[in-house]
ModelCIF file with pLDDT and N, C-alpha, C, O atoms, coordinates in Angstrom:
data_MODEL
#
_entry.id   MODEL 
#
_entity.id                         1 
_entity.type                       polymer 
_entity.pdbx_number_of_molecules   1 
#
_entity_poly.entity_id                      1 
_entity_poly.type                           'polypeptide(L)' 
_entity_poly.nstd_linkage                   no 
_entity_poly.nstd_monomer                   no 
_entity_poly.pdbx_seq_one_letter_code       VDSMHHFLAPYDDKVQEEKNIECVSGQYFIQGGNESE 
_entity_poly.pdbx_seq_one_letter_code_can   VDSMHHFLAPYDDKVQEEKNIECVSGQYFIQGGNESE 
_entity_poly.pdbx_strand_id                 A 
#
loop_
_entity_poly_seq.entity_id 
_entity_poly_seq.num 
_entity_poly_seq.mon_id 
_entity_poly_seq.hetero 
1 1  VAL n 
1 2  ASP n 
1 3  SER n 
1 4  MET n 
1 5  HIS n 
1 6  HIS n 
1 7  PHE n 
1 8  LEU n 
1 9  ALA n 
1 10 PRO n 
1 11 TYR n 
1 12 ASP n 
1 13 ASP n 
1 14 LYS n 
1 15 VAL n 
1 16 GLN n 
1 17 GLU n 
1 18 GLU n 
1 19 LYS n 
1 20 ASN n 
1 21 ILE n 
1 22 GLU n 
1 23 CYS n 
1 24 VAL n 
1 25 SER n 
1 26 GLY n 
1 27 GLN n 
1 28 TYR n 
1 29 PHE n 
1 30 ILE n 
1 31 GLN n 
1 32 GLY n 
1 33 GLY n 
1 34 ASN n 
1 35 GLU n 
1 36 SER n 
1 37 GLU n 
#
_struct_asym.id          A 
_struct_asym.entity_id   1 
#
loop_
_ma_qa_metric.id 
_ma_qa_metric.mode 
_ma_qa_metric.name 
_ma_qa_metric.software_group_id 
_ma_qa_metric.type 
1 global pLDDT . pLDDT 
2 local  pLDDT . pLDDT 
#
_ma_qa_metric_global.metric_id      1 
_ma_qa_metric_global.metric_value   95.92 
_ma_qa_metric_global.model_id       1 
_ma_qa_metric_global.ordinal_id     1 
#
loop_
_ma_qa_metric_local.label_asym_id 
_ma_qa_metric_local.label_comp_id 
_ma_qa_metric_local.label_seq_id 
_ma_qa_metric_local.metric_id 
_ma_qa_metric_local.metric_value 
_ma_qa_metric_local.model_id 
_ma_qa_metric_local.ordinal_id 
A VAL 1  2 98.00 1 1  
A ASP 2  2 98.00 1 2  
A SER 3  2 97.00 1 3  
A MET 4  2 98.00 1 4  
A HIS 5  2 98.00 1 5  
A HIS 6  2 98.00 1 6  
A PHE 7  2 98.00 1 7  
A LEU 8  2 98.00 1 8  
A ALA 9  2 98.00 1 9  
A PRO 10 2 97.00 1 10 
A TYR 11 2 98.00 1 11 
A ASP 12 2 98.00 1 12 
A ASP 13 2 98.00 1 13 
A LYS 14 2 98.00 1 14 
A VAL 15 2 98.00 1 15 
A GLN 16 2 98.00 1 16 
A GLU 17 2 98.00 1 17 
A GLU 18 2 97.00 1 18 
A LYS 19 2 97.00 1 19 
A ASN 20 2 98.00 1 20 
A ILE 21 2 97.00 1 21 
A GLU 22 2 97.00 1 22 
A CYS 23 2 97.00 1 23 
A VAL 24 2 96.00 1 24 
A SER 25 2 97.00 1 25 
A GLY 26 2 96.00 1 26 
A GLN 27 2 97.00 1 27 
A TYR 28 2 97.00 1 28 
A PHE 29 2 97.00 1 29 
A ILE 30 2 96.00 1 30 
A GLN 31 2 96.00 1 31 
A GLY 32 2 90.00 1 32 
A GLY 33 2 88.00 1 33 
A ASN 34 2 88.00 1 34 
A GLU 35 2 84.00 1 35 
A SER 36 2 87.00 1 36 
A GLU 37 2 93.00 1 37 
#
loop_
_atom_site.group_PDB 
_atom_site.id 
_atom_site.type_symbol 
_atom_site.label_atom_id 
_atom_site.label_alt_id 
_atom_site.label_comp_id 
_atom_site.label_asym_id 
_atom_site.label_entity_id 
_atom_site.label_seq_id 
_atom_site.pdbx_PDB_ins_code 
_atom_site.Cartn_x 
_atom_site.Cartn_y 
_atom_site.Cartn_z 
_atom_site.occupancy 
_atom_site.B_iso_or_equiv 
_atom_site.pdbx_formal_charge 
_atom_site.auth_seq_id 
_atom_site.auth_comp_id 
_atom_site.auth_asym_id 
_atom_site.auth_atom_id 
_atom_site.pdbx_PDB_model_num 
ATOM 1   N N  . VAL A 1 1  ? 13.199  13.727  5.309  1.00 98.00 ? 1  VAL A N  1 
ATOM 2   C CA . VAL A 1 1  ? 12.742  12.449  4.314  1.00 98.00 ? 1  VAL A CA 1 
ATOM 3   C C  . VAL A 1 1  ? 13.350  11.611  4.666  1.00 98.00 ? 1  VAL A C  1 
ATOM 4   O O  . VAL A 1 1  ? 13.010  10.531  4.182  1.00 98.00 ? 1  VAL A O  1 
ATOM 5   N N  . ASP A 1 2  ? 14.333  11.582  5.480  1.00 98.00 ? 2  ASP A N  1 
ATOM 6   C CA . ASP A 1 2  ? 14.703  10.876  6.241  1.00 98.00 ? 2  ASP A CA 1 
ATOM 7   C C  . ASP A 1 2  ? 14.285  9.736   7.731  1.00 98.00 ? 2  ASP A C  1 
ATOM 8   O O  . ASP A 1 2  ? 14.892  8.744   8.135  1.00 98.00 ? 2  ASP A O  1 
ATOM 9   N N  . SER A 1 3  ? 12.934  10.446  8.286  1.00 97.00 ? 3  SER A N  1 
ATOM 10  C CA . SER A 1 3  ? 12.361  10.229  8.807  1.00 97.00 ? 3  SER A CA 1 
ATOM 11  C C  . SER A 1 3  ? 12.100  8.660   8.002  1.00 97.00 ? 3  SER A C  1 
ATOM 12  O O  . SER A 1 3  ? 12.333  7.475   8.242  1.00 97.00 ? 3  SER A O  1 
ATOM 13  N N  . MET A 1 4  ? 11.255  9.765   6.541  1.00 98.00 ? 4  MET A N  1 
ATOM 14  C CA . MET A 1 4  ? 10.161  8.784   6.301  1.00 98.00 ? 4  MET A CA 1 
ATOM 15  C C  . MET A 1 4  ? 10.889  7.730   5.346  1.00 98.00 ? 4  MET A C  1 
ATOM 16  O O  . MET A 1 4  ? 10.195  6.745   5.094  1.00 98.00 ? 4  MET A O  1 
ATOM 17  N N  . HIS A 1 5  ? 12.130  7.756   4.783  1.00 98.00 ? 5  HIS A N  1 
ATOM 18  C CA . HIS A 1 5  ? 13.585  6.213   4.177  1.00 98.00 ? 5  HIS A CA 1 
ATOM 19  C C  . HIS A 1 5  ? 12.832  5.674   5.168  1.00 98.00 ? 5  HIS A C  1 
ATOM 20  O O  . HIS A 1 5  ? 11.645  5.504   4.888  1.00 98.00 ? 5  HIS A O  1 
ATOM 21  N N  . HIS A 1 6  ? 13.269  5.300   6.458  1.00 98.00 ? 6  HIS A N  1 
ATOM 22  C CA . HIS A 1 6  ? 13.534  5.033   7.951  1.00 98.00 ? 6  HIS A CA 1 
ATOM 23  C C  . HIS A 1 6  ? 12.044  4.204   8.374  1.00 98.00 ? 6  HIS A C  1 
ATOM 24  O O  . HIS A 1 6  ? 11.879  3.093   8.879  1.00 98.00 ? 6  HIS A O  1 
ATOM 25  N N  . PHE A 1 7  ? 11.127  5.183   7.964  1.00 98.00 ? 7  PHE A N  1 
ATOM 26  C CA . PHE A 1 7  ? 9.507   4.414   8.829  1.00 98.00 ? 7  PHE A CA 1 
ATOM 27  C C  . PHE A 1 7  ? 9.393   3.582   7.760  1.00 98.00 ? 7  PHE A C  1 
ATOM 28  O O  . PHE A 1 7  ? 8.959   2.471   8.064  1.00 98.00 ? 7  PHE A O  1 
ATOM 29  N N  . LEU A 1 8  ? 9.692   3.787   6.352  1.00 98.00 ? 8  LEU A N  1 
ATOM 30  C CA . LEU A 1 8  ? 8.389   2.868   4.611  1.00 98.00 ? 8  LEU A CA 1 
ATOM 31  C C  . LEU A 1 8  ? 9.876   1.819   4.573  1.00 98.00 ? 8  LEU A C  1 
ATOM 32  O O  . LEU A 1 8  ? 9.865   1.282   3.466  1.00 98.00 ? 8  LEU A O  1 
ATOM 33  N N  . ALA A 1 9  ? 11.226  1.309   5.443  1.00 98.00 ? 9  ALA A N  1 
ATOM 34  C CA . ALA A 1 9  ? 11.018  0.350   5.480  1.00 98.00 ? 9  ALA A CA 1 
ATOM 35  C C  . ALA A 1 9  ? 10.588  -0.882  5.644  1.00 98.00 ? 9  ALA A C  1 
ATOM 36  O O  . ALA A 1 9  ? 10.479  -1.546  4.613  1.00 98.00 ? 9  ALA A O  1 
ATOM 37  N N  . PRO A 1 10 ? 10.215  -1.552  6.993  1.00 97.00 ? 10 PRO A N  1 
ATOM 38  C CA . PRO A 1 10 ? 9.286   -2.539  6.315  1.00 97.00 ? 10 PRO A CA 1 
ATOM 39  C C  . PRO A 1 10 ? 8.217   -2.383  5.278  1.00 97.00 ? 10 PRO A C  1 
ATOM 40  O O  . PRO A 1 10 ? 7.728   -3.505  5.146  1.00 97.00 ? 10 PRO A O  1 
ATOM 41  N N  . TYR A 1 11 ? 7.879   -1.909  4.827  1.00 98.00 ? 11 TYR A N  1 
ATOM 42  C CA . TYR A 1 11 ? 6.699   -1.420  3.825  1.00 98.00 ? 11 TYR A CA 1 
ATOM 43  C C  . TYR A 1 11 ? 7.406   -2.102  2.639  1.00 98.00 ? 11 TYR A C  1 
ATOM 44  O O  . TYR A 1 11 ? 6.721   -2.935  2.045  1.00 98.00 ? 11 TYR A O  1 
ATOM 45  N N  . ASP A 1 12 ? 8.354   -1.945  2.299  1.00 98.00 ? 12 ASP A N  1 
ATOM 46  C CA . ASP A 1 12 ? 9.863   -2.142  1.262  1.00 98.00 ? 12 ASP A CA 1 
ATOM 47  C C  . ASP A 1 12 ? 8.487   -3.275  0.645  1.00 98.00 ? 12 ASP A C  1 
ATOM 48  O O  . ASP A 1 12 ? 7.866   -3.829  1.553  1.00 98.00 ? 12 ASP A O  1 
ATOM 49  N N  . ASP A 1 13 ? 8.094   -3.558  -0.612 1.00 98.00 ? 13 ASP A N  1 
ATOM 50  C CA . ASP A 1 13 ? 7.793   -4.046  -1.581 1.00 98.00 ? 13 ASP A CA 1 
ATOM 51  C C  . ASP A 1 13 ? 8.476   -5.744  -1.722 1.00 98.00 ? 13 ASP A C  1 
ATOM 52  O O  . ASP A 1 13 ? 7.814   -6.754  -1.958 1.00 98.00 ? 13 ASP A O  1 
ATOM 53  N N  . LYS A 1 14 ? 9.809   -5.673  -1.521 1.00 98.00 ? 14 LYS A N  1 
ATOM 54  C CA . LYS A 1 14 ? 10.419  -7.040  -1.390 1.00 98.00 ? 14 LYS A CA 1 
ATOM 55  C C  . LYS A 1 14 ? 9.964   -7.807  -0.376 1.00 98.00 ? 14 LYS A C  1 
ATOM 56  O O  . LYS A 1 14 ? 9.412   -8.868  -0.668 1.00 98.00 ? 14 LYS A O  1 
ATOM 57  N N  . VAL A 1 15 ? 10.175  -7.233  1.670  1.00 98.00 ? 15 VAL A N  1 
ATOM 58  C CA . VAL A 1 15 ? 9.798   -7.199  2.607  1.00 98.00 ? 15 VAL A CA 1 
ATOM 59  C C  . VAL A 1 15 ? 8.637   -8.310  2.328  1.00 98.00 ? 15 VAL A C  1 
ATOM 60  O O  . VAL A 1 15 ? 8.716   -9.538  2.302  1.00 98.00 ? 15 VAL A O  1 
ATOM 61  N N  . GLN A 1 16 ? 6.994   -7.011  2.034  1.00 98.00 ? 16 GLN A N  1 
ATOM 62  C CA . GLN A 1 16 ? 6.068   -8.001  1.969  1.00 98.00 ? 16 GLN A CA 1 
ATOM 63  C C  . GLN A 1 16 ? 5.734   -8.807  1.250  1.00 98.00 ? 16 GLN A C  1 
ATOM 64  O O  . GLN A 1 16 ? 4.503   -8.788  1.242  1.00 98.00 ? 16 GLN A O  1 
ATOM 65  N N  . GLU A 1 17 ? 6.147   -9.636  0.527  1.00 98.00 ? 17 GLU A N  1 
ATOM 66  C CA . GLU A 1 17 ? 6.087   -10.318 -0.589 1.00 98.00 ? 17 GLU A CA 1 
ATOM 67  C C  . GLU A 1 17 ? 6.231   -11.249 -0.072 1.00 98.00 ? 17 GLU A C  1 
ATOM 68  O O  . GLU A 1 17 ? 5.507   -12.226 -0.266 1.00 98.00 ? 17 GLU A O  1 
ATOM 69  N N  . GLU A 1 18 ? 7.720   -11.220 1.168  1.00 97.00 ? 18 GLU A N  1 
ATOM 70  C CA . GLU A 1 18 ? 8.155   -12.342 1.867  1.00 97.00 ? 18 GLU A CA 1 
ATOM 71  C C  . GLU A 1 18 ? 7.310   -13.001 3.200  1.00 97.00 ? 18 GLU A C  1 
ATOM 72  O O  . GLU A 1 18 ? 6.996   -14.061 3.741  1.00 97.00 ? 18 GLU A O  1 
ATOM 73  N N  . LYS A 1 19 ? 7.229   -11.927 3.267  1.00 97.00 ? 19 LYS A N  1 
ATOM 74  C CA . LYS A 1 19 ? 6.550   -11.893 4.599  1.00 97.00 ? 19 LYS A CA 1 
ATOM 75  C C  . LYS A 1 19 ? 5.171   -11.611 5.389  1.00 97.00 ? 19 LYS A C  1 
ATOM 76  O O  . LYS A 1 19 ? 4.801   -11.678 6.561  1.00 97.00 ? 19 LYS A O  1 
ATOM 77  N N  . ASN A 1 20 ? 4.567   -11.239 4.069  1.00 98.00 ? 20 ASN A N  1 
ATOM 78  C CA . ASN A 1 20 ? 2.734   -10.931 4.262  1.00 98.00 ? 20 ASN A CA 1 
ATOM 79  C C  . ASN A 1 20 ? 2.024   -11.777 3.547  1.00 98.00 ? 20 ASN A C  1 
ATOM 80  O O  . ASN A 1 20 ? 2.714   -12.719 3.158  1.00 98.00 ? 20 ASN A O  1 
ATOM 81  N N  . ILE A 1 21 ? 0.611   -11.833 3.125  1.00 97.00 ? 21 ILE A N  1 
ATOM 82  C CA . ILE A 1 21 ? 0.018   -12.264 2.009  1.00 97.00 ? 21 ILE A CA 1 
ATOM 83  C C  . ILE A 1 21 ? -1.099  -11.152 1.007  1.00 97.00 ? 21 ILE A C  1 
ATOM 84  O O  . ILE A 1 21 ? -1.835  -10.306 1.515  1.00 97.00 ? 21 ILE A O  1 
ATOM 85  N N  . GLU A 1 22 ? -1.026  -11.317 0.103  1.00 97.00 ? 22 GLU A N  1 
ATOM 86  C CA . GLU A 1 22 ? -2.069  -10.881 -0.628 1.00 97.00 ? 22 GLU A CA 1 
ATOM 87  C C  . GLU A 1 22 ? -4.046  -11.807 -0.226 1.00 97.00 ? 22 GLU A C  1 
ATOM 88  O O  . GLU A 1 22 ? -4.565  -12.916 -0.353 1.00 97.00 ? 22 GLU A O  1 
ATOM 89  N N  . CYS A 1 23 ? -4.421  -10.449 0.260  1.00 97.00 ? 23 CYS A N  1 
ATOM 90  C CA . CYS A 1 23 ? -5.584  -10.357 1.146  1.00 97.00 ? 23 CYS A CA 1 
ATOM 91  C C  . CYS A 1 23 ? -7.197  -10.008 0.371  1.00 97.00 ? 23 CYS A C  1 
ATOM 92  O O  . CYS A 1 23 ? -7.228  -8.852  -0.052 1.00 97.00 ? 23 CYS A O  1 
ATOM 93  N N  . VAL A 1 24 ? -8.051  -10.527 0.210  1.00 96.00 ? 24 VAL A N  1 
ATOM 94  C CA . VAL A 1 24 ? -8.972  -9.672  -0.738 1.00 96.00 ? 24 VAL A CA 1 
ATOM 95  C C  . VAL A 1 24 ? -9.549  -8.734  0.410  1.00 96.00 ? 24 VAL A C  1 
ATOM 96  O O  . VAL A 1 24 ? -9.800  -8.733  1.615  1.00 96.00 ? 24 VAL A O  1 
ATOM 97  N N  . SER A 1 25 ? -9.607  -7.842  -0.863 1.00 97.00 ? 25 SER A N  1 
ATOM 98  C CA . SER A 1 25 ? -9.851  -6.249  -0.094 1.00 97.00 ? 25 SER A CA 1 
ATOM 99  C C  . SER A 1 25 ? -11.945 -5.759  -0.044 1.00 97.00 ? 25 SER A C  1 
ATOM 100 O O  . SER A 1 25 ? -12.893 -6.031  -0.781 1.00 97.00 ? 25 SER A O  1 
ATOM 101 N N  . GLY A 1 26 ? -11.829 -5.184  0.877  1.00 96.00 ? 26 GLY A N  1 
ATOM 102 C CA . GLY A 1 26 ? -13.405 -4.766  1.452  1.00 96.00 ? 26 GLY A CA 1 
ATOM 103 C C  . GLY A 1 26 ? -13.987 -6.088  2.656  1.00 96.00 ? 26 GLY A C  1 
ATOM 104 O O  . GLY A 1 26 ? -15.151 -6.183  3.044  1.00 96.00 ? 26 GLY A O  1 
ATOM 105 N N  . GLN A 1 27 ? -12.854 -6.993  3.068  1.00 97.00 ? 27 GLN A N  1 
ATOM 106 C CA . GLN A 1 27 ? -13.225 -7.331  4.289  1.00 97.00 ? 27 GLN A CA 1 
ATOM 107 C C  . GLN A 1 27 ? -12.806 -8.412  4.881  1.00 97.00 ? 27 GLN A C  1 
ATOM 108 O O  . GLN A 1 27 ? -12.535 -9.519  4.416  1.00 97.00 ? 27 GLN A O  1 
ATOM 109 N N  . TYR A 1 28 ? -12.759 -7.827  6.414  1.00 97.00 ? 28 TYR A N  1 
ATOM 110 C CA . TYR A 1 28 ? -12.249 -8.093  7.047  1.00 97.00 ? 28 TYR A CA 1 
ATOM 111 C C  . TYR A 1 28 ? -11.185 -9.107  6.834  1.00 97.00 ? 28 TYR A C  1 
ATOM 112 O O  . TYR A 1 28 ? -11.360 -9.978  5.983  1.00 97.00 ? 28 TYR A O  1 
ATOM 113 N N  . PHE A 1 29 ? -10.339 -9.072  7.383  1.00 97.00 ? 29 PHE A N  1 
ATOM 114 C CA . PHE A 1 29 ? -9.714  -10.450 7.575  1.00 97.00 ? 29 PHE A CA 1 
ATOM 115 C C  . PHE A 1 29 ? -9.449  -11.639 8.811  1.00 97.00 ? 29 PHE A C  1 
ATOM 116 O O  . PHE A 1 29 ? -8.374  -12.184 9.060  1.00 97.00 ? 29 PHE A O  1 
ATOM 117 N N  . ILE A 1 30 ? -10.836 -11.875 9.533  1.00 96.00 ? 30 ILE A N  1 
ATOM 118 C CA . ILE A 1 30 ? -10.955 -13.196 10.749 1.00 96.00 ? 30 ILE A CA 1 
ATOM 119 C C  . ILE A 1 30 ? -10.179 -14.227 10.995 1.00 96.00 ? 30 ILE A C  1 
ATOM 120 O O  . ILE A 1 30 ? -10.385 -15.398 10.678 1.00 96.00 ? 30 ILE A O  1 
ATOM 121 N N  . GLN A 1 31 ? -9.452  -13.867 11.454 1.00 96.00 ? 31 GLN A N  1 
ATOM 122 C CA . GLN A 1 31 ? -8.232  -15.629 11.686 1.00 96.00 ? 31 GLN A CA 1 
ATOM 123 C C  . GLN A 1 31 ? -8.951  -16.226 13.014 1.00 96.00 ? 31 GLN A C  1 
ATOM 124 O O  . GLN A 1 31 ? -8.595  -15.805 14.114 1.00 96.00 ? 31 GLN A O  1 
ATOM 125 N N  . GLY A 1 32 ? -10.126 -17.364 12.884 1.00 90.00 ? 32 GLY A N  1 
ATOM 126 C CA . GLY A 1 32 ? -9.715  -18.308 13.836 1.00 90.00 ? 32 GLY A CA 1 
ATOM 127 C C  . GLY A 1 32 ? -9.089  -19.163 14.584 1.00 90.00 ? 32 GLY A C  1 
ATOM 128 O O  . GLY A 1 32 ? -8.119  -18.514 14.977 1.00 90.00 ? 32 GLY A O  1 
ATOM 129 N N  . GLY A 1 33 ? -9.000  -20.453 15.144 1.00 88.00 ? 33 GLY A N  1 
ATOM 130 C CA . GLY A 1 33 ? -7.686  -21.022 15.344 1.00 88.00 ? 33 GLY A CA 1 
ATOM 131 C C  . GLY A 1 33 ? -7.649  -20.778 17.080 1.00 88.00 ? 33 GLY A C  1 
ATOM 132 O O  . GLY A 1 33 ? -8.386  -19.927 17.577 1.00 88.00 ? 33 GLY A O  1 
ATOM 133 N N  . ASN A 1 34 ? -6.782  -21.554 17.878 1.00 88.00 ? 34 ASN A N  1 
ATOM 134 C CA . ASN A 1 34 ? -6.097  -21.242 19.352 1.00 88.00 ? 34 ASN A CA 1 
ATOM 135 C C  . ASN A 1 34 ? -5.086  -20.258 19.314 1.00 88.00 ? 34 ASN A C  1 
ATOM 136 O O  . ASN A 1 34 ? -3.954  -20.350 18.838 1.00 88.00 ? 34 ASN A O  1 
ATOM 137 N N  . GLU A 1 35 ? -5.629  -19.314 19.869 1.00 84.00 ? 35 GLU A N  1 
ATOM 138 C CA . GLU A 1 35 ? -5.413  -17.141 20.222 1.00 84.00 ? 35 GLU A CA 1 
ATOM 139 C C  . GLU A 1 35 ? -3.304  -17.030 20.087 1.00 84.00 ? 35 GLU A C  1 
ATOM 140 O O  . GLU A 1 35 ? -2.497  -16.118 19.906 1.00 84.00 ? 35 GLU A O  1 
ATOM 141 N N  . SER A 1 36 ? -3.237  -18.267 20.267 1.00 87.00 ? 36 SER A N  1 
ATOM 142 C CA . SER A 1 36 ? -1.579  -18.354 21.112 1.00 87.00 ? 36 SER A CA 1 
ATOM 143 C C  . SER A 1 36 ? -0.857  -19.026 19.239 1.00 87.00 ? 36 SER A C  1 
ATOM 144 O O  . SER A 1 36 ? 0.214   -19.627 19.159 1.00 87.00 ? 36 SER A O  1 
ATOM 145 N N  . GLU A 1 37 ? -1.630  -18.757 18.167 1.00 93.00 ? 37 GLU A N  1 
ATOM 146 C CA . GLU A 1 37 ? -1.318  -19.316 16.990 1.00 93.00 ? 37 GLU A CA 1 
ATOM 147 C C  . GLU A 1 37 ? -0.444  -17.579 16.669 1.00 93.00 ? 37 GLU A C  1 
ATOM 148 O O  . GLU A 1 37 ? 0.137   -17.367 15.605 1.00 93.00 ? 37 GLU A O  1 
#
């Protein structure tokens, strides 16, 4: 149980909402631009 909580800490809803975006399901999220961006 402790191992699971530790592993899932980066997946906490608030962490995800702050750092990441909502994407469209069912299709690849292909991003262009310079490879260093």
